[in-house]
Amino acid sequence: MERVPCKLVVVGSGNVGKTSMLFTYGWGHFPKEYMPYVFDMSEITFTLDGNTIDLSLWDTCGSEDYDRLRPLSYPETNIFLVLFSVISQNSFDEISSKW
């Protein structure tokens, strides 16, 4: 059995639900209040095909105010998860123009 570190960074426009998605995954329920985060990270460990996966989940702020800060979370990333809102065409368009 091998221990495998893996880093997942969630990106996307502001207010598309990045933090809420991670909160729901980690705590098992949707947050009752809006929680604006600039940056947050949590770790989970699970077994896959006999290997122990140490998964770091990195939340980023989609606001343009943090365009220069956000890339600091990118080095050594294994997986980028790009989110958009189904009720915001702009957030979908920014997938190809920004993210």
N, C-alpha and C. Protein backbone atom coordinates (compact mmCIF):
# COMPACT_ATOMS: atom_id res chain seq x y z
N MET A 1 0.84 -1.17 0.00
CA MET A 1 0.00 0.00 0.00
C MET A 1 0.89 1.24 0.00
N GLU A 2 0.51 2.21 -0.83
CA GLU A 2 1.29 3.43 -0.98
C GLU A 2 0.47 4.63 -0.51
N ARG A 3 1.16 5.61 0.07
CA ARG A 3 0.52 6.88 0.44
C ARG A 3 0.73 7.86 -0.69
N VAL A 4 -0.37 8.42 -1.20
CA VAL A 4 -0.30 9.30 -2.36
C VAL A 4 -0.84 10.68 -1.99
N PRO A 5 0.03 11.71 -2.02
CA PRO A 5 -0.48 13.07 -1.80
C PRO A 5 -1.12 13.59 -3.08
N CYS A 6 -2.21 14.33 -2.93
CA CYS A 6 -2.91 14.89 -4.09
C CYS A 6 -3.48 16.24 -3.69
N LYS A 7 -3.29 17.23 -4.55
CA LYS A 7 -3.78 18.58 -4.28
C LYS A 7 -4.85 18.94 -5.30
N LEU A 8 -6.03 19.35 -4.80
CA LEU A 8 -7.14 19.77 -5.65
C LEU A 8 -7.45 21.24 -5.34
N VAL A 9 -7.43 22.08 -6.36
CA VAL A 9 -7.74 23.50 -6.20
C VAL A 9 -9.05 23.80 -6.93
N VAL A 10 -9.99 24.42 -6.21
CA VAL A 10 -11.28 24.78 -6.78
C VAL A 10 -11.23 26.25 -7.20
N VAL A 11 -11.51 26.50 -8.48
CA VAL A 11 -11.51 27.87 -9.01
C VAL A 11 -12.82 28.15 -9.72
N GLY A 12 -13.09 29.40 -9.94
CA GLY A 12 -14.29 29.83 -10.64
C GLY A 12 -14.65 31.23 -10.22
N SER A 13 -15.56 31.83 -10.94
CA SER A 13 -15.99 33.19 -10.65
C SER A 13 -16.57 33.29 -9.24
N GLY A 14 -16.68 34.53 -8.76
CA GLY A 14 -17.26 34.75 -7.44
C GLY A 14 -18.71 34.32 -7.39
N ASN A 15 -19.12 33.81 -6.25
CA ASN A 15 -20.52 33.45 -5.97
C ASN A 15 -21.05 32.30 -6.83
N VAL A 16 -20.19 31.39 -7.24
CA VAL A 16 -20.69 30.22 -7.98
C VAL A 16 -20.89 29.01 -7.07
N GLY A 17 -20.43 29.10 -5.82
CA GLY A 17 -20.66 28.01 -4.87
C GLY A 17 -19.45 27.17 -4.52
N LYS A 18 -18.25 27.69 -4.76
CA LYS A 18 -17.03 26.92 -4.47
C LYS A 18 -16.94 26.55 -2.99
N THR A 19 -17.05 27.54 -2.14
CA THR A 19 -16.95 27.31 -0.70
C THR A 19 -18.11 26.45 -0.20
N SER A 20 -19.31 26.72 -0.68
CA SER A 20 -20.48 25.94 -0.25
C SER A 20 -20.34 24.47 -0.65
N MET A 21 -19.80 24.22 -1.84
CA MET A 21 -19.61 22.84 -2.28
C MET A 21 -18.62 22.11 -1.36
N LEU A 22 -17.50 22.77 -1.07
CA LEU A 22 -16.50 22.14 -0.20
C LEU A 22 -17.04 21.97 1.22
N PHE A 23 -17.77 22.97 1.71
CA PHE A 23 -18.37 22.88 3.04
C PHE A 23 -19.33 21.70 3.11
N THR A 24 -20.19 21.57 2.11
CA THR A 24 -21.17 20.48 2.07
C THR A 24 -20.47 19.13 2.03
N TYR A 25 -19.40 19.03 1.25
CA TYR A 25 -18.65 17.78 1.18
C TYR A 25 -18.01 17.45 2.53
N GLY A 26 -17.40 18.45 3.15
CA GLY A 26 -16.68 18.22 4.40
C GLY A 26 -17.56 18.02 5.62
N TRP A 27 -18.67 18.76 5.68
CA TRP A 27 -19.51 18.72 6.87
C TRP A 27 -20.81 17.96 6.68
N GLY A 28 -21.13 17.61 5.44
CA GLY A 28 -22.31 16.80 5.19
C GLY A 28 -23.62 17.56 5.12
N HIS A 29 -23.56 18.89 5.15
CA HIS A 29 -24.77 19.69 4.99
C HIS A 29 -24.42 21.04 4.39
N PHE A 30 -25.40 21.64 3.73
CA PHE A 30 -25.20 22.93 3.07
C PHE A 30 -25.14 24.03 4.13
N PRO A 31 -24.23 25.00 4.00
CA PRO A 31 -24.13 26.07 5.00
C PRO A 31 -25.40 26.92 5.04
N LYS A 32 -25.79 27.32 6.24
CA LYS A 32 -27.00 28.11 6.42
C LYS A 32 -26.79 29.59 6.08
N GLU A 33 -25.54 30.05 6.18
CA GLU A 33 -25.23 31.45 5.92
C GLU A 33 -24.16 31.55 4.85
N TYR A 34 -24.15 32.68 4.13
CA TYR A 34 -23.11 32.94 3.14
C TYR A 34 -21.77 33.08 3.85
N MET A 35 -20.75 32.40 3.34
CA MET A 35 -19.43 32.42 3.96
C MET A 35 -18.38 32.83 2.93
N PRO A 36 -18.12 34.12 2.79
CA PRO A 36 -17.11 34.53 1.81
C PRO A 36 -15.72 34.21 2.32
N TYR A 37 -14.95 33.47 1.54
CA TYR A 37 -13.59 33.13 1.91
C TYR A 37 -12.64 33.65 0.85
N VAL A 38 -11.50 34.10 1.30
CA VAL A 38 -10.43 34.47 0.38
C VAL A 38 -9.68 33.20 0.01
N PHE A 39 -9.44 32.37 1.00
CA PHE A 39 -8.67 31.16 0.79
C PHE A 39 -8.89 30.24 1.97
N ASP A 40 -9.01 28.98 1.70
CA ASP A 40 -9.14 28.00 2.77
C ASP A 40 -8.64 26.67 2.25
N MET A 41 -8.16 25.84 3.15
CA MET A 41 -7.64 24.54 2.75
C MET A 41 -8.02 23.53 3.82
N SER A 42 -8.40 22.34 3.39
CA SER A 42 -8.65 21.25 4.32
C SER A 42 -8.12 19.97 3.70
N GLU A 43 -7.95 18.96 4.52
CA GLU A 43 -7.40 17.69 4.04
C GLU A 43 -8.33 16.55 4.40
N ILE A 44 -8.44 15.60 3.49
CA ILE A 44 -9.17 14.37 3.76
C ILE A 44 -8.29 13.20 3.33
N THR A 45 -8.50 12.07 3.96
CA THR A 45 -7.75 10.87 3.63
C THR A 45 -8.74 9.76 3.33
N PHE A 46 -8.48 9.04 2.24
CA PHE A 46 -9.34 7.92 1.88
C PHE A 46 -8.50 6.87 1.17
N THR A 47 -9.05 5.68 1.01
CA THR A 47 -8.36 4.57 0.36
C THR A 47 -8.97 4.35 -1.02
N LEU A 48 -8.09 4.19 -2.02
CA LEU A 48 -8.52 3.95 -3.39
C LEU A 48 -7.58 2.92 -4.00
N ASP A 49 -8.12 1.82 -4.45
CA ASP A 49 -7.32 0.74 -5.06
C ASP A 49 -6.16 0.31 -4.17
N GLY A 50 -6.40 0.26 -2.87
CA GLY A 50 -5.38 -0.18 -1.93
C GLY A 50 -4.38 0.88 -1.52
N ASN A 51 -4.47 2.06 -2.09
CA ASN A 51 -3.57 3.16 -1.75
C ASN A 51 -4.28 4.17 -0.85
N THR A 52 -3.53 4.77 0.05
CA THR A 52 -4.05 5.82 0.91
C THR A 52 -3.84 7.15 0.21
N ILE A 53 -4.92 7.87 -0.05
CA ILE A 53 -4.86 9.15 -0.74
C ILE A 53 -5.01 10.26 0.30
N ASP A 54 -4.02 11.14 0.37
CA ASP A 54 -4.08 12.33 1.21
C ASP A 54 -4.46 13.50 0.30
N LEU A 55 -5.74 13.86 0.30
CA LEU A 55 -6.25 14.87 -0.62
C LEU A 55 -6.37 16.21 0.08
N SER A 56 -5.64 17.20 -0.42
CA SER A 56 -5.74 18.57 0.06
C SER A 56 -6.75 19.31 -0.81
N LEU A 57 -7.77 19.86 -0.20
CA LEU A 57 -8.80 20.62 -0.91
C LEU A 57 -8.56 22.10 -0.68
N TRP A 58 -8.29 22.83 -1.75
CA TRP A 58 -7.97 24.25 -1.66
C TRP A 58 -9.11 25.07 -2.26
N ASP A 59 -9.66 25.96 -1.46
CA ASP A 59 -10.72 26.87 -1.89
C ASP A 59 -10.07 28.20 -2.27
N THR A 60 -10.52 28.82 -3.34
CA THR A 60 -9.98 30.11 -3.75
C THR A 60 -11.11 31.12 -3.90
N CYS A 61 -10.77 32.37 -3.82
CA CYS A 61 -11.75 33.44 -4.00
C CYS A 61 -11.80 33.82 -5.48
N GLY A 62 -13.00 33.87 -6.04
CA GLY A 62 -13.14 34.19 -7.46
C GLY A 62 -13.18 35.67 -7.77
N SER A 63 -13.21 36.50 -6.74
CA SER A 63 -13.29 37.94 -6.93
C SER A 63 -12.04 38.47 -7.64
N GLU A 64 -12.24 39.45 -8.52
CA GLU A 64 -11.12 40.05 -9.24
C GLU A 64 -10.13 40.71 -8.29
N ASP A 65 -10.58 41.08 -7.09
CA ASP A 65 -9.68 41.70 -6.11
C ASP A 65 -8.53 40.78 -5.74
N TYR A 66 -8.69 39.48 -5.97
CA TYR A 66 -7.68 38.50 -5.56
C TYR A 66 -6.99 37.83 -6.74
N ASP A 67 -7.07 38.46 -7.92
CA ASP A 67 -6.45 37.87 -9.11
C ASP A 67 -4.95 37.65 -8.94
N ARG A 68 -4.28 38.51 -8.19
CA ARG A 68 -2.83 38.36 -8.01
C ARG A 68 -2.49 37.38 -6.89
N LEU A 69 -3.37 37.23 -5.93
CA LEU A 69 -3.14 36.34 -4.79
C LEU A 69 -3.47 34.88 -5.13
N ARG A 70 -4.53 34.67 -5.88
CA ARG A 70 -5.03 33.33 -6.19
C ARG A 70 -3.98 32.38 -6.75
N PRO A 71 -3.15 32.81 -7.72
CA PRO A 71 -2.17 31.88 -8.30
C PRO A 71 -1.15 31.33 -7.31
N LEU A 72 -1.05 31.92 -6.13
CA LEU A 72 -0.14 31.39 -5.12
C LEU A 72 -0.56 29.99 -4.67
N SER A 73 -1.82 29.63 -4.88
CA SER A 73 -2.29 28.30 -4.50
C SER A 73 -2.09 27.27 -5.61
N TYR A 74 -1.63 27.68 -6.79
CA TYR A 74 -1.54 26.78 -7.94
C TYR A 74 -0.35 25.83 -7.96
N PRO A 75 0.83 26.20 -7.45
CA PRO A 75 1.97 25.27 -7.57
C PRO A 75 1.68 23.90 -6.97
N GLU A 76 2.16 22.87 -7.65
CA GLU A 76 2.05 21.47 -7.24
C GLU A 76 0.61 20.95 -7.22
N THR A 77 -0.29 21.62 -7.94
CA THR A 77 -1.68 21.17 -8.02
C THR A 77 -1.79 19.98 -8.96
N ASN A 78 -2.48 18.94 -8.52
CA ASN A 78 -2.74 17.77 -9.35
C ASN A 78 -4.05 17.87 -10.10
N ILE A 79 -5.05 18.52 -9.47
CA ILE A 79 -6.39 18.61 -10.05
C ILE A 79 -6.92 20.03 -9.88
N PHE A 80 -7.40 20.61 -10.97
CA PHE A 80 -8.15 21.86 -10.90
C PHE A 80 -9.61 21.53 -11.15
N LEU A 81 -10.47 21.98 -10.26
CA LEU A 81 -11.91 21.82 -10.42
C LEU A 81 -12.48 23.20 -10.72
N VAL A 82 -12.97 23.40 -11.93
CA VAL A 82 -13.47 24.71 -12.37
C VAL A 82 -15.00 24.70 -12.25
N LEU A 83 -15.52 25.63 -11.45
CA LEU A 83 -16.97 25.71 -11.24
C LEU A 83 -17.56 26.93 -11.92
N PHE A 84 -18.83 26.81 -12.30
CA PHE A 84 -19.60 27.95 -12.79
C PHE A 84 -21.02 27.79 -12.27
N SER A 85 -21.77 28.87 -12.36
CA SER A 85 -23.16 28.84 -11.92
C SER A 85 -24.07 28.65 -13.12
N VAL A 86 -25.04 27.77 -13.00
CA VAL A 86 -25.98 27.53 -14.09
C VAL A 86 -26.92 28.73 -14.30
N ILE A 87 -26.93 29.67 -13.38
CA ILE A 87 -27.77 30.86 -13.54
C ILE A 87 -26.95 32.10 -13.89
N SER A 88 -25.66 31.91 -14.19
CA SER A 88 -24.80 33.03 -14.56
C SER A 88 -24.03 32.70 -15.83
N GLN A 89 -24.49 33.24 -16.94
CA GLN A 89 -23.79 33.03 -18.21
C GLN A 89 -22.37 33.56 -18.13
N ASN A 90 -22.18 34.68 -17.41
CA ASN A 90 -20.85 35.27 -17.28
C ASN A 90 -19.88 34.30 -16.61
N SER A 91 -20.33 33.60 -15.57
CA SER A 91 -19.44 32.66 -14.89
C SER A 91 -19.05 31.51 -15.82
N PHE A 92 -19.95 31.12 -16.71
CA PHE A 92 -19.64 30.09 -17.70
C PHE A 92 -18.66 30.62 -18.74
N ASP A 93 -18.89 31.83 -19.23
CA ASP A 93 -18.01 32.44 -20.23
C ASP A 93 -16.59 32.62 -19.70
N GLU A 94 -16.47 32.92 -18.40
CA GLU A 94 -15.15 33.14 -17.81
C GLU A 94 -14.32 31.87 -17.72
N ILE A 95 -14.93 30.71 -17.88
CA ILE A 95 -14.16 29.47 -17.87
C ILE A 95 -13.08 29.52 -18.93
N SER A 96 -13.43 29.96 -20.12
CA SER A 96 -12.44 29.99 -21.21
C SER A 96 -11.63 31.28 -21.24
N SER A 97 -12.17 32.37 -20.71
CA SER A 97 -11.45 33.64 -20.78
C SER A 97 -10.60 33.94 -19.55
N LYS A 98 -10.92 33.34 -18.43
CA LYS A 98 -10.20 33.67 -17.18
C LYS A 98 -9.54 32.46 -16.54
N TRP A 99 -10.24 31.35 -16.50
CA TRP A 99 -9.72 30.21 -15.76
C TRP A 99 -8.99 29.27 -16.67
